[in-house]
Structure formats: C-alpha cells, structure tokens
C-alpha cells in the first residue's frame, strides 16, 4: 500500500501531491500525535524553500502509525521539523536509571513500551516534593515548553515514546543526537515559539474553547508568516495557496497551522546547515547536555548556550 493510500484528502490538497522538482530538499512540518486517528491525525505540511520563499504546497493527514512510518521511510532528500520531544532531561534519565546516550535510552524506552514508561514516570513524580515533579530539559526551560515526560495537558511524554523510537528505527539523521541517513533529516520544532511572535493563544482541541479570539490570533500568525519580521529573523517568508491559508485559519485545533510552523523551522534549519558554529541552527552540537537531551530549534536560541 502506498503512503498516499493511507491518508485522507484535506480540503483541496491531495495527500500524494508533491511540490514540483526543483533544487533543495523537500521541507516537511510534522504536527505529531501519540494516538493518530481519523479524528486526530498526524498533520504534515509539505513544501520547498527557494530564493527567500518557503512555498508550502500541500498538507497530508496520516491516520495510522503504519503510514507515518512510511512517511519517515520516504526517500530523501528531505528535512523535517517535528513537534514532539526527541529526548528526555538528564535529571529524569538518571532518576529512572537510563543511560545518557540518546540511541541507547531511546532503544530502552522502546523496549519497555509506553505503559511501563508511564508507570515509571508516575512513580518518580509521586516521590518528588510539590513543585519538583517536572524535569525540564535546558531547551524546554528556555522556551517555556512542558517537561518532555509530562503525560497530560499536554501528553508530550506519550508523544516522546511514540515518536523518538520511530525516528531511530527509521534510520534518519537526528542532529545532534544521531547520525543516520544524511538525506533524511529530522529536527525538533516547537511551533508555539514562532506563533508567539505574532499573537497569543490560537488553538484548542476543546470545542468550547475554539473562540473567535483564537481565530483572530491564527489570522495574525498566518499574516506574520509573510511579514518583514519573519524575513528578518528566518531569512525567508512563507507562501500558502489561498485554500490552504483558509484551511489553516479554519482549523481551530491548530494542527494545520502548527504543521506549517514546523515547516518554517525545518526550512530555517536547512538554511543554517553549513554554519560552522551552529549547523542546522544548533548552537553547540558537542555540548554534553545538548547531545543527551536534544535541542529545540529557533533563531532566538542561537546564542543561549555555549
């Protein structure tokens, strides 16, 4: 079965539609979920970066892990920004008796499975005093993200267990954590960090919280993607077909917009690939903390760690 057969149509954008063949890798933006389904699929923005323009041409919706794994196996060259934690904090790894090498501890977590990982995390949290139940990575603390082991609101710990082992199994490169296939590159993205530049709260999975104010915020973010501010910080602007712009505006869950924002991070990382001091936008790829915990990419974080 082809990858396209395992996806649904989204608006006027066909899942098997790919951008025209031009130089440079395919850019992927992946809004991940730990339990993909028809109601809550993994949402993927697909585009190309050329001459100061990120052209996002399609959105794919993936309803099963089988077809998500097919996406990861898709031949390169491609580079993707993925909205889920790639790693865990050193504090949690040490507390759970896991090794610090990324490939080793991700393999160990994959072997134990999600239920066992959740049990271990809950047991550790229960033993911690109030106010010390979340072990943030260095990058999480810098951007205000949830601890990567958190199991609810949002369940990013579940996303880590389902996401990171699949990246390792797929054999993709995960700078600076793992050197795999250099034509398939996965990087950790945090779309809210881009969104905050242009608006406040912009999404919710709860119907009662899908308000007009959040629609207005999504419009502001989408407008920001073609602004001078984005060009100044990221080196390019984003172009969306009118129908895809409308899809991203109307999707109150924010999944479509988040996929586009993850593609922005991937495109920026590609533009930074040749930098000696910060390849792919990673400020210190040999820092012992970064090579264990991973790194959330954003231009604002380039000078935050030495």
C-alpha atoms as a PDB file:
ATOM      1  CA  UNK A   1       0.000   0.000   0.000  1.00  0.00           C
ATOM      2  CA  UNK A   2       1.370   3.419  -0.898  1.00  0.00           C
ATOM      3  CA  UNK A   3       1.743   6.243   1.565  1.00  0.00           C
ATOM      4  CA  UNK A   4      -0.956   8.223  -0.207  1.00  0.00           C
ATOM      5  CA  UNK A   5      -3.449   5.361   0.182  1.00  0.00           C
ATOM      6  CA  UNK A   6      -3.166   5.614   3.951  1.00  0.00           C
ATOM      7  CA  UNK A   7      -4.060   9.306   4.069  1.00  0.00           C
ATOM      8  CA  UNK A   8      -7.204  11.336   3.696  1.00  0.00           C
ATOM      9  CA  UNK A   9      -7.839  14.312   1.476  1.00  0.00           C
ATOM     10  CA  UNK A  10      -7.692  17.662   3.250  1.00  0.00           C
ATOM     11  CA  UNK A  11      -9.695  20.370   1.591  1.00  0.00           C
ATOM     12  CA  UNK A  12      -8.453  20.749  -1.994  1.00  0.00           C
ATOM     13  CA  UNK A  13      -4.965  19.406  -1.192  1.00  0.00           C
ATOM     14  CA  UNK A  14      -4.236  15.875  -2.311  1.00  0.00           C
ATOM     15  CA  UNK A  15      -2.140  13.784   0.064  1.00  0.00           C
ATOM     16  CA  UNK A  16       0.024  12.393  -2.727  1.00  0.00           C
ATOM     17  CA  UNK A  17       0.664  15.779  -4.282  1.00  0.00           C
ATOM     18  CA  UNK A  18       4.328  16.747  -4.066  1.00  0.00           C
ATOM     19  CA  UNK A  19       5.968  20.058  -4.946  1.00  0.00           C
ATOM     20  CA  UNK A  20       7.493  20.453  -8.380  1.00  0.00           C
ATOM     21  CA  UNK A  21      11.003  19.047  -8.748  1.00  0.00           C
ATOM     22  CA  UNK A  22      13.384  21.888  -8.037  1.00  0.00           C
ATOM     23  CA  UNK A  23      16.756  22.076  -6.246  1.00  0.00           C
ATOM     24  CA  UNK A  24      16.877  21.568  -2.491  1.00  0.00           C
ATOM     25  CA  UNK A  25      15.187  19.057  -0.223  1.00  0.00           C
ATOM     26  CA  UNK A  26      11.513  18.637   0.412  1.00  0.00           C
ATOM     27  CA  UNK A  27      10.545  20.544   3.554  1.00  0.00           C
ATOM     28  CA  UNK A  28       8.266  18.725   5.997  1.00  0.00           C
ATOM     29  CA  UNK A  29       6.447  20.167   9.008  1.00  0.00           C
ATOM     30  CA  UNK A  30       5.021  17.449  11.248  1.00  0.00           C
ATOM     31  CA  UNK A  31       2.375  18.124  13.883  1.00  0.00           C
ATOM     32  CA  UNK A  32       2.571  14.848  15.807  1.00  0.00           C
ATOM     33  CA  UNK A  33       0.084  12.992  17.993  1.00  0.00           C
ATOM     34  CA  UNK A  34       0.629   9.915  20.152  1.00  0.00           C
ATOM     35  CA  UNK A  35      -2.641   8.344  19.000  1.00  0.00           C
ATOM     36  CA  UNK A  36      -3.234   9.106  15.324  1.00  0.00           C
ATOM     37  CA  UNK A  37      -6.762   8.562  14.065  1.00  0.00           C
ATOM     38  CA  UNK A  38      -9.255   9.953  11.587  1.00  0.00           C
ATOM     39  CA  UNK A  39     -10.395  12.433  14.230  1.00  0.00           C
ATOM     40  CA  UNK A  40      -6.863  13.439  15.267  1.00  0.00           C
ATOM     41  CA  UNK A  41      -4.365  12.569  12.520  1.00  0.00           C
ATOM     42  CA  UNK A  42      -0.698  13.421  12.293  1.00  0.00           C
ATOM     43  CA  UNK A  43      -0.687  16.555  10.131  1.00  0.00           C
ATOM     44  CA  UNK A  44       2.170  17.177   7.704  1.00  0.00           C
ATOM     45  CA  UNK A  45       2.897  20.328   5.708  1.00  0.00           C
ATOM     46  CA  UNK A  46       4.968  19.766   2.548  1.00  0.00           C
ATOM     47  CA  UNK A  47       6.883  22.394   0.629  1.00  0.00           C
ATOM     48  CA  UNK A  48      10.118  23.725  -0.829  1.00  0.00           C
ATOM     49  CA  UNK A  49      12.484  26.562   0.058  1.00  0.00           C
ATOM     50  CA  UNK A  50      13.804  28.643  -2.848  1.00  0.00           C
ATOM     51  CA  UNK A  51      15.282  32.128  -3.038  1.00  0.00           C
ATOM     52  CA  UNK A  52      13.828  33.545   0.144  1.00  0.00           C
ATOM     53  CA  UNK A  53      10.436  31.849  -0.185  1.00  0.00           C
ATOM     54  CA  UNK A  54       9.087  28.790   1.603  1.00  0.00           C
ATOM     55  CA  UNK A  55       6.370  27.542  -0.719  1.00  0.00           C
ATOM     56  CA  UNK A  56       4.037  25.265   1.270  1.00  0.00           C
ATOM     57  CA  UNK A  57       2.080  23.417  -1.377  1.00  0.00           C
ATOM     58  CA  UNK A  58       0.242  20.616   0.391  1.00  0.00           C
ATOM     59  CA  UNK A  59      -0.960  19.164   3.670  1.00  0.00           C
ATOM     60  CA  UNK A  60      -1.074  15.452   4.409  1.00  0.00           C
ATOM     61  CA  UNK A  61      -3.135  13.824   7.159  1.00  0.00           C
ATOM     62  CA  UNK A  62      -1.870  10.481   8.430  1.00  0.00           C
ATOM     63  CA  UNK A  63      -4.275   8.322  10.427  1.00  0.00           C
ATOM     64  CA  UNK A  64      -2.096   5.332  11.374  1.00  0.00           C
ATOM     65  CA  UNK A  65       1.442   4.721  12.586  1.00  0.00           C
ATOM     66  CA  UNK A  66       1.932   2.304   9.704  1.00  0.00           C
ATOM     67  CA  UNK A  67       1.602   5.149   7.248  1.00  0.00           C
ATOM     68  CA  UNK A  68       3.560   7.525   9.465  1.00  0.00           C
ATOM     69  CA  UNK A  69       6.472   5.071   9.342  1.00  0.00           C
ATOM     70  CA  UNK A  70       6.101   5.086   5.560  1.00  0.00           C
ATOM     71  CA  UNK A  71       6.493   8.861   5.656  1.00  0.00           C
ATOM     72  CA  UNK A  72       9.745   8.535   7.618  1.00  0.00           C
ATOM     73  CA  UNK A  73      10.973   5.937   5.118  1.00  0.00           C
ATOM     74  CA  UNK A  74      10.196   8.170   2.138  1.00  0.00           C
ATOM     75  CA  UNK A  75      13.421   8.609   0.117  1.00  0.00           C
ATOM     76  CA  UNK A  76      15.253  11.878   0.555  1.00  0.00           C
ATOM     77  CA  UNK A  77      16.397  14.452   0.275  1.00  0.00           C
ATOM     78  CA  UNK A  78      14.009  15.856   2.871  1.00  0.00           C
ATOM     79  CA  UNK A  79      14.297  17.741   6.139  1.00  0.00           C
ATOM     80  CA  UNK A  80      11.506  17.877   8.685  1.00  0.00           C
ATOM     81  CA  UNK A  81      10.561  19.798  11.797  1.00  0.00           C
ATOM     82  CA  UNK A  82       8.703  17.521  14.240  1.00  0.00           C
ATOM     83  CA  UNK A  83       6.512  18.816  17.055  1.00  0.00           C
ATOM     84  CA  UNK A  84       7.325  16.299  19.779  1.00  0.00           C
ATOM     85  CA  UNK A  85      10.152  15.850  22.279  1.00  0.00           C
ATOM     86  CA  UNK A  86      13.098  13.942  20.844  1.00  0.00           C
ATOM     87  CA  UNK A  87      14.750  13.434  24.235  1.00  0.00           C
ATOM     88  CA  UNK A  88      14.407  13.493  27.998  1.00  0.00           C
ATOM     89  CA  UNK A  89      16.188  15.545  30.624  1.00  0.00           C
ATOM     90  CA  UNK A  90      19.362  14.279  32.244  1.00  0.00           C
ATOM     91  CA  UNK A  91      17.590  14.592  35.598  1.00  0.00           C
ATOM     92  CA  UNK A  92      14.867  12.144  34.570  1.00  0.00           C
ATOM     93  CA  UNK A  93      17.248   9.753  32.819  1.00  0.00           C
ATOM     94  CA  UNK A  94      19.383   9.487  35.932  1.00  0.00           C
ATOM     95  CA  UNK A  95      16.317   9.099  38.159  1.00  0.00           C
ATOM     96  CA  UNK A  96      14.934   6.256  36.036  1.00  0.00           C
ATOM     97  CA  UNK A  97      18.311   4.554  35.720  1.00  0.00           C
ATOM     98  CA  UNK A  98      18.503   5.114  31.970  1.00  0.00           C
ATOM     99  CA  UNK A  99      21.788   5.708  30.134  1.00  0.00           C
ATOM    100  CA  UNK A 100      22.609   9.167  28.801  1.00  0.00           C
ATOM    101  CA  UNK A 101      23.346   8.181  25.209  1.00  0.00           C
ATOM    102  CA  UNK A 102      20.336   9.077  23.057  1.00  0.00           C
ATOM    103  CA  UNK A 103      20.263   5.961  20.903  1.00  0.00           C
ATOM    104  CA  UNK A 104      20.665   3.747  23.972  1.00  0.00           C
ATOM    105  CA  UNK A 105      17.989   5.335  26.138  1.00  0.00           C
ATOM    106  CA  UNK A 106      15.527   5.673  23.268  1.00  0.00           C
ATOM    107  CA  UNK A 107      16.034   1.980  22.496  1.00  0.00           C
ATOM    108  CA  UNK A 108      15.496   1.161  26.177  1.00  0.00           C
ATOM    109  CA  UNK A 109      12.269   3.166  26.283  1.00  0.00           C
ATOM    110  CA  UNK A 110      11.059   1.483  23.091  1.00  0.00           C
ATOM    111  CA  UNK A 111      11.756  -1.923  24.624  1.00  0.00           C
ATOM    112  CA  UNK A 112       9.873  -1.155  27.834  1.00  0.00           C
ATOM    113  CA  UNK A 113       6.868   0.265  25.947  1.00  0.00           C
ATOM    114  CA  UNK A 114       4.593   3.168  26.680  1.00  0.00           C
ATOM    115  CA  UNK A 115       2.675   1.697  29.673  1.00  0.00           C
ATOM    116  CA  UNK A 116       5.875   0.821  31.527  1.00  0.00           C
ATOM    117  CA  UNK A 117       7.411   4.225  30.785  1.00  0.00           C
ATOM    118  CA  UNK A 118       4.309   5.989  32.074  1.00  0.00           C
ATOM    119  CA  UNK A 119       4.333   3.856  35.233  1.00  0.00           C
ATOM    120  CA  UNK A 120       7.973   4.728  35.920  1.00  0.00           C
ATOM    121  CA  UNK A 121       7.359   8.427  35.335  1.00  0.00           C
ATOM    122  CA  UNK A 122       4.333   8.484  37.645  1.00  0.00           C
ATOM    123  CA  UNK A 123       6.263   6.644  40.367  1.00  0.00           C
ATOM    124  CA  UNK A 124       9.108   9.141  40.126  1.00  0.00           C
ATOM    125  CA  UNK A 125       6.730  12.092  40.229  1.00  0.00           C
ATOM    126  CA  UNK A 126       4.926  10.677  43.275  1.00  0.00           C
ATOM    127  CA  UNK A 127       8.212  10.602  45.161  1.00  0.00           C
ATOM    128  CA  UNK A 128       9.048  14.240  44.402  1.00  0.00           C
ATOM    129  CA  UNK A 129       8.051  17.190  46.588  1.00  0.00           C
ATOM    130  CA  UNK A 130       5.494  19.654  45.338  1.00  0.00           C
ATOM    131  CA  UNK A 131       6.953  21.953  42.708  1.00  0.00           C
ATOM    132  CA  UNK A 132       9.623  19.444  41.657  1.00  0.00           C
ATOM    133  CA  UNK A 133       7.582  16.910  39.721  1.00  0.00           C
ATOM    134  CA  UNK A 134       8.651  18.084  36.272  1.00  0.00           C
ATOM    135  CA  UNK A 135      12.189  17.660  34.948  1.00  0.00           C
ATOM    136  CA  UNK A 136      12.677  20.127  32.120  1.00  0.00           C
ATOM    137  CA  UNK A 137      15.450  19.947  29.585  1.00  0.00           C
ATOM    138  CA  UNK A 138      17.611  23.016  29.122  1.00  0.00           C
ATOM    139  CA  UNK A 139      15.773  23.851  25.902  1.00  0.00           C
ATOM    140  CA  UNK A 140      12.341  23.430  27.483  1.00  0.00           C
ATOM    141  CA  UNK A 141      13.195  25.924  30.197  1.00  0.00           C
ATOM    142  CA  UNK A 142      14.412  28.462  27.651  1.00  0.00           C
ATOM    143  CA  UNK A 143      11.232  28.398  25.540  1.00  0.00           C
ATOM    144  CA  UNK A 144       8.645  27.736  28.257  1.00  0.00           C
ATOM    145  CA  UNK A 145       7.778  24.253  26.995  1.00  0.00           C
ATOM    146  CA  UNK A 146       6.330  21.441  29.086  1.00  0.00           C
ATOM    147  CA  UNK A 147       8.648  18.856  30.588  1.00  0.00           C
ATOM    148  CA  UNK A 148       9.097  16.114  27.972  1.00  0.00           C
ATOM    149  CA  UNK A 149       7.872  13.370  30.302  1.00  0.00           C
ATOM    150  CA  UNK A 150       4.544  15.088  31.056  1.00  0.00           C
ATOM    151  CA  UNK A 151       1.665  12.665  30.496  1.00  0.00           C
ATOM    152  CA  UNK A 152      -1.326  15.051  30.452  1.00  0.00           C
ATOM    153  CA  UNK A 153      -2.109  18.611  29.372  1.00  0.00           C
ATOM    154  CA  UNK A 154      -0.228  18.168  27.045  1.00  0.00           C
ATOM    155  CA  UNK A 155       0.762  14.469  26.874  1.00  0.00           C
ATOM    156  CA  UNK A 156       4.213  15.133  25.427  1.00  0.00           C
ATOM    157  CA  UNK A 157       5.706  12.179  27.312  1.00  0.00           C
ATOM    158  CA  UNK A 158       3.437   9.857  25.335  1.00  0.00           C
ATOM    159  CA  UNK A 159       4.459  11.657  22.161  1.00  0.00           C
ATOM    160  CA  UNK A 160       8.115  11.091  23.028  1.00  0.00           C
ATOM    161  CA  UNK A 161       7.597   7.339  23.498  1.00  0.00           C
ATOM    162  CA  UNK A 162       5.738   7.010  20.194  1.00  0.00           C
ATOM    163  CA  UNK A 163       7.844   9.483  18.225  1.00  0.00           C
ATOM    164  CA  UNK A 164      11.524   9.199  19.170  1.00  0.00           C
ATOM    165  CA  UNK A 165      11.843   5.406  18.780  1.00  0.00           C
ATOM    166  CA  UNK A 166      10.263   5.610  15.326  1.00  0.00           C
ATOM    167  CA  UNK A 167      12.824   8.191  14.253  1.00  0.00           C
ATOM    168  CA  UNK A 168      15.612   5.916  15.475  1.00  0.00           C
ATOM    169  CA  UNK A 169      14.117   2.841  13.821  1.00  0.00           C
ATOM    170  CA  UNK A 170      13.658   4.711  10.528  1.00  0.00           C
ATOM    171  CA  UNK A 171      17.389   5.428  10.375  1.00  0.00           C
ATOM    172  CA  UNK A 172      17.002   9.155   9.794  1.00  0.00           C
ATOM    173  CA  UNK A 173      19.615  11.672  10.907  1.00  0.00           C
ATOM    174  CA  UNK A 174      18.673  13.477  14.116  1.00  0.00           C
ATOM    175  CA  UNK A 175      21.205  16.292  14.640  1.00  0.00           C
ATOM    176  CA  UNK A 176      22.922  16.415  17.088  1.00  0.00           C
ATOM    177  CA  UNK A 177      21.649  13.174  18.653  1.00  0.00           C
ATOM    178  CA  UNK A 178      22.141  10.560  15.958  1.00  0.00           C
ATOM    179  CA  UNK A 179      23.907  10.314  12.596  1.00  0.00           C
ATOM    180  CA  UNK A 180      21.663   8.362  10.244  1.00  0.00           C
ATOM    181  CA  UNK A 181      20.754   8.800   6.598  1.00  0.00           C
ATOM    182  CA  UNK A 182      22.067  12.279   5.682  1.00  0.00           C
ATOM    183  CA  UNK A 183      19.345  12.704   3.044  1.00  0.00           C
ATOM    184  CA  UNK A 184      16.549  12.310   5.633  1.00  0.00           C
ATOM    185  CA  UNK A 185      16.899  14.785   8.486  1.00  0.00           C
ATOM    186  CA  UNK A 186      14.600  15.172  11.499  1.00  0.00           C
ATOM    187  CA  UNK A 187      14.774  18.132  13.884  1.00  0.00           C
ATOM    188  CA  UNK A 188      12.740  19.065  16.931  1.00  0.00           C
ATOM    189  CA  UNK A 189      10.388  22.001  16.445  1.00  0.00           C
ATOM    190  CA  UNK A 190       8.202  23.973  18.850  1.00  0.00           C
ATOM    191  CA  UNK A 191       5.634  25.819  16.714  1.00  0.00           C
ATOM    192  CA  UNK A 192       4.245  27.894  19.569  1.00  0.00           C
ATOM    193  CA  UNK A 193       7.554  29.734  19.741  1.00  0.00           C
ATOM    194  CA  UNK A 194       7.045  31.163  16.258  1.00  0.00           C
ATOM    195  CA  UNK A 195       3.353  31.805  16.897  1.00  0.00           C
ATOM    196  CA  UNK A 196       4.102  33.913  19.989  1.00  0.00           C
ATOM    197  CA  UNK A 197       5.892  36.437  17.819  1.00  0.00           C
ATOM    198  CA  UNK A 198       2.568  37.431  16.268  1.00  0.00           C
ATOM    199  CA  UNK A 199      -0.280  36.503  18.650  1.00  0.00           C
ATOM    200  CA  UNK A 200      -1.329  34.870  21.893  1.00  0.00           C
ATOM    201  CA  UNK A 201      -3.439  31.752  22.377  1.00  0.00           C
ATOM    202  CA  UNK A 202      -4.509  30.465  18.959  1.00  0.00           C
ATOM    203  CA  UNK A 203      -5.797  26.887  19.279  1.00  0.00           C
ATOM    204  CA  UNK A 204      -7.693  24.341  21.345  1.00  0.00           C
ATOM    205  CA  UNK A 205      -8.905  20.771  20.895  1.00  0.00           C
ATOM    206  CA  UNK A 206     -11.905  21.589  23.107  1.00  0.00           C
ATOM    207  CA  UNK A 207     -14.844  22.837  21.082  1.00  0.00           C
ATOM    208  CA  UNK A 208     -15.979  25.197  23.840  1.00  0.00           C
ATOM    209  CA  UNK A 209     -12.612  26.983  23.750  1.00  0.00           C
ATOM    210  CA  UNK A 210     -12.485  27.399  19.973  1.00  0.00           C
ATOM    211  CA  UNK A 211     -13.344  31.073  20.089  1.00  0.00           C
ATOM    212  CA  UNK A 212     -13.403  33.989  17.687  1.00  0.00           C
ATOM    213  CA  UNK A 213     -10.413  35.450  19.533  1.00  0.00           C
ATOM    214  CA  UNK A 214      -8.370  32.359  18.700  1.00  0.00           C
ATOM    215  CA  UNK A 215      -9.441  32.573  15.062  1.00  0.00           C
ATOM    216  CA  UNK A 216      -8.234  36.173  15.048  1.00  0.00           C
ATOM    217  CA  UNK A 217      -4.924  35.025  16.548  1.00  0.00           C
ATOM    218  CA  UNK A 218      -4.467  32.390  13.826  1.00  0.00           C
ATOM    219  CA  UNK A 219      -5.089  35.056  11.205  1.00  0.00           C
ATOM    220  CA  UNK A 220      -2.427  37.256  12.786  1.00  0.00           C
ATOM    221  CA  UNK A 221       0.068  34.384  12.806  1.00  0.00           C
ATOM    222  CA  UNK A 222      -0.660  33.492   9.191  1.00  0.00           C
ATOM    223  CA  UNK A 223      -0.204  37.122   8.200  1.00  0.00           C
ATOM    224  CA  UNK A 224       3.043  37.182  10.164  1.00  0.00           C
ATOM    225  CA  UNK A 225       4.421  34.363   8.044  1.00  0.00           C
ATOM    226  CA  UNK A 226       4.600  36.714   5.067  1.00  0.00           C
ATOM    227  CA  UNK A 227       5.903  39.662   7.069  1.00  0.00           C
ATOM    228  CA  UNK A 228       9.182  41.519   7.126  1.00  0.00           C
ATOM    229  CA  UNK A 229       9.736  40.340  10.679  1.00  0.00           C
ATOM    230  CA  UNK A 230       9.776  36.705   9.593  1.00  0.00           C
ATOM    231  CA  UNK A 231      12.129  37.517   6.717  1.00  0.00           C
ATOM    232  CA  UNK A 232      14.460  39.386   9.069  1.00  0.00           C
ATOM    233  CA  UNK A 233      14.628  36.568  11.622  1.00  0.00           C
ATOM    234  CA  UNK A 234      14.368  33.485   9.409  1.00  0.00           C
ATOM    235  CA  UNK A 235      15.662  34.715   6.063  1.00  0.00           C
ATOM    236  CA  UNK A 236      12.508  33.972   4.068  1.00  0.00           C
ATOM    237  CA  UNK A 237       8.743  34.372   4.005  1.00  0.00           C
ATOM    238  CA  UNK A 238       6.018  31.777   3.564  1.00  0.00           C
ATOM    239  CA  UNK A 239       3.562  31.405   0.700  1.00  0.00           C
ATOM    240  CA  UNK A 240       0.380  29.367   1.094  1.00  0.00           C
ATOM    241  CA  UNK A 241      -2.209  28.686  -1.602  1.00  0.00           C
ATOM    242  CA  UNK A 242      -5.463  30.502  -0.761  1.00  0.00           C
ATOM    243  CA  UNK A 243      -7.271  27.243   0.044  1.00  0.00           C
ATOM    244  CA  UNK A 244      -4.507  26.121   2.399  1.00  0.00           C
ATOM    245  CA  UNK A 245      -4.475  29.535   4.082  1.00  0.00           C
ATOM    246  CA  UNK A 246      -8.199  29.097   4.701  1.00  0.00           C
ATOM    247  CA  UNK A 247      -7.710  25.560   5.992  1.00  0.00           C
ATOM    248  CA  UNK A 248      -5.084  26.750   8.467  1.00  0.00           C
ATOM    249  CA  UNK A 249      -7.314  29.616   9.555  1.00  0.00           C
ATOM    250  CA  UNK A 250     -10.428  27.473   9.994  1.00  0.00           C
ATOM    251  CA  UNK A 251      -8.748  24.517  11.729  1.00  0.00           C
ATOM    252  CA  UNK A 252      -9.495  25.516  15.330  1.00  0.00           C
ATOM    253  CA  UNK A 253      -7.349  22.680  16.720  1.00  0.00           C
ATOM    254  CA  UNK A 254      -4.335  24.487  15.299  1.00  0.00           C
ATOM    255  CA  UNK A 255      -2.958  21.277  13.806  1.00  0.00           C
ATOM    256  CA  UNK A 256      -2.746  22.624  10.253  1.00  0.00           C
ATOM    257  CA  UNK A 257      -1.108  25.875  11.336  1.00  0.00           C
ATOM    258  CA  UNK A 258       1.301  24.017  13.630  1.00  0.00           C
ATOM    259  CA  UNK A 259       2.378  21.801  10.725  1.00  0.00           C
ATOM    260  CA  UNK A 260       3.118  24.911   8.666  1.00  0.00           C
ATOM    261  CA  UNK A 261       5.078  26.441  11.558  1.00  0.00           C
ATOM    262  CA  UNK A 262       7.113  23.239  11.906  1.00  0.00           C
ATOM    263  CA  UNK A 263       7.924  23.502   8.202  1.00  0.00           C
ATOM    264  CA  UNK A 264       9.201  27.032   8.844  1.00  0.00           C
ATOM    265  CA  UNK A 265      11.636  25.671  11.423  1.00  0.00           C
ATOM    266  CA  UNK A 266      12.786  22.896   9.075  1.00  0.00           C
ATOM    267  CA  UNK A 267      13.377  25.396   6.269  1.00  0.00           C
ATOM    268  CA  UNK A 268      15.349  27.683   8.558  1.00  0.00           C
ATOM    269  CA  UNK A 269      17.430  24.745   9.804  1.00  0.00           C
ATOM    270  CA  UNK A 270      18.235  23.815   6.200  1.00  0.00           C
ATOM    271  CA  UNK A 271      19.355  27.378   5.508  1.00  0.00           C
ATOM    272  CA  UNK A 272      21.704  27.069   8.520  1.00  0.00           C
ATOM    273  CA  UNK A 273      23.146  23.676   7.595  1.00  0.00           C
ATOM    274  CA  UNK A 274      26.554  24.958   6.536  1.00  0.00           C
ATOM    275  CA  UNK A 275      27.194  27.211   9.516  1.00  0.00           C
ATOM    276  CA  UNK A 276      30.402  26.215  11.269  1.00  0.00           C
ATOM    277  CA  UNK A 277      29.351  27.405  14.716  1.00  0.00           C
ATOM    278  CA  UNK A 278      25.673  26.479  14.561  1.00  0.00           C
ATOM    279  CA  UNK A 279      24.985  23.826  11.896  1.00  0.00           C
ATOM    280  CA  UNK A 280      21.233  23.380  11.396  1.00  0.00           C
ATOM    281  CA  UNK A 281      20.744  26.150  13.968  1.00  0.00           C
ATOM    282  CA  UNK A 282      22.083  24.119  16.891  1.00  0.00           C
ATOM    283  CA  UNK A 283      24.259  26.496  18.972  1.00  0.00           C
ATOM    284  CA  UNK A 284      26.688  23.887  20.317  1.00  0.00           C
ATOM    285  CA  UNK A 285      26.311  20.447  18.810  1.00  0.00           C
ATOM    286  CA  UNK A 286      29.010  18.987  21.079  1.00  0.00           C
ATOM    287  CA  UNK A 287      27.647  20.335  24.366  1.00  0.00           C
ATOM    288  CA  UNK A 288      27.170  17.310  26.680  1.00  0.00           C
ATOM    289  CA  UNK A 289      23.668  18.404  27.656  1.00  0.00           C
ATOM    290  CA  UNK A 290      22.514  19.007  24.084  1.00  0.00           C
ATOM    291  CA  UNK A 291      23.842  15.679  22.787  1.00  0.00           C
ATOM    292  CA  UNK A 292      21.842  13.926  25.515  1.00  0.00           C
ATOM    293  CA  UNK A 293      18.627  15.934  25.744  1.00  0.00           C
ATOM    294  CA  UNK A 294      18.360  17.304  22.211  1.00  0.00           C
ATOM    295  CA  UNK A 295      17.586  20.858  21.177  1.00  0.00           C
ATOM    296  CA  UNK A 296      14.510  22.880  20.186  1.00  0.00           C
ATOM    297  CA  UNK A 297      15.323  24.955  17.099  1.00  0.00           C
ATOM    298  CA  UNK A 298      14.647  28.660  16.751  1.00  0.00           C
ATOM    299  CA  UNK A 299      16.724  31.686  15.669  1.00  0.00           C
ATOM    300  CA  UNK A 300      16.142  33.263  19.077  1.00  0.00           C
ATOM    301  CA  UNK A 301      18.039  30.403  20.747  1.00  0.00           C
ATOM    302  CA  UNK A 302      21.266  30.622  18.756  1.00  0.00           C
ATOM    303  CA  UNK A 303      23.229  32.379  21.496  1.00  0.00           C
ATOM    304  CA  UNK A 304      21.676  30.774  24.564  1.00  0.00           C
ATOM    305  CA  UNK A 305      24.224  28.038  25.249  1.00  0.00           C
ATOM    306  CA  UNK A 306      27.978  27.776  24.691  1.00  0.00           C
END
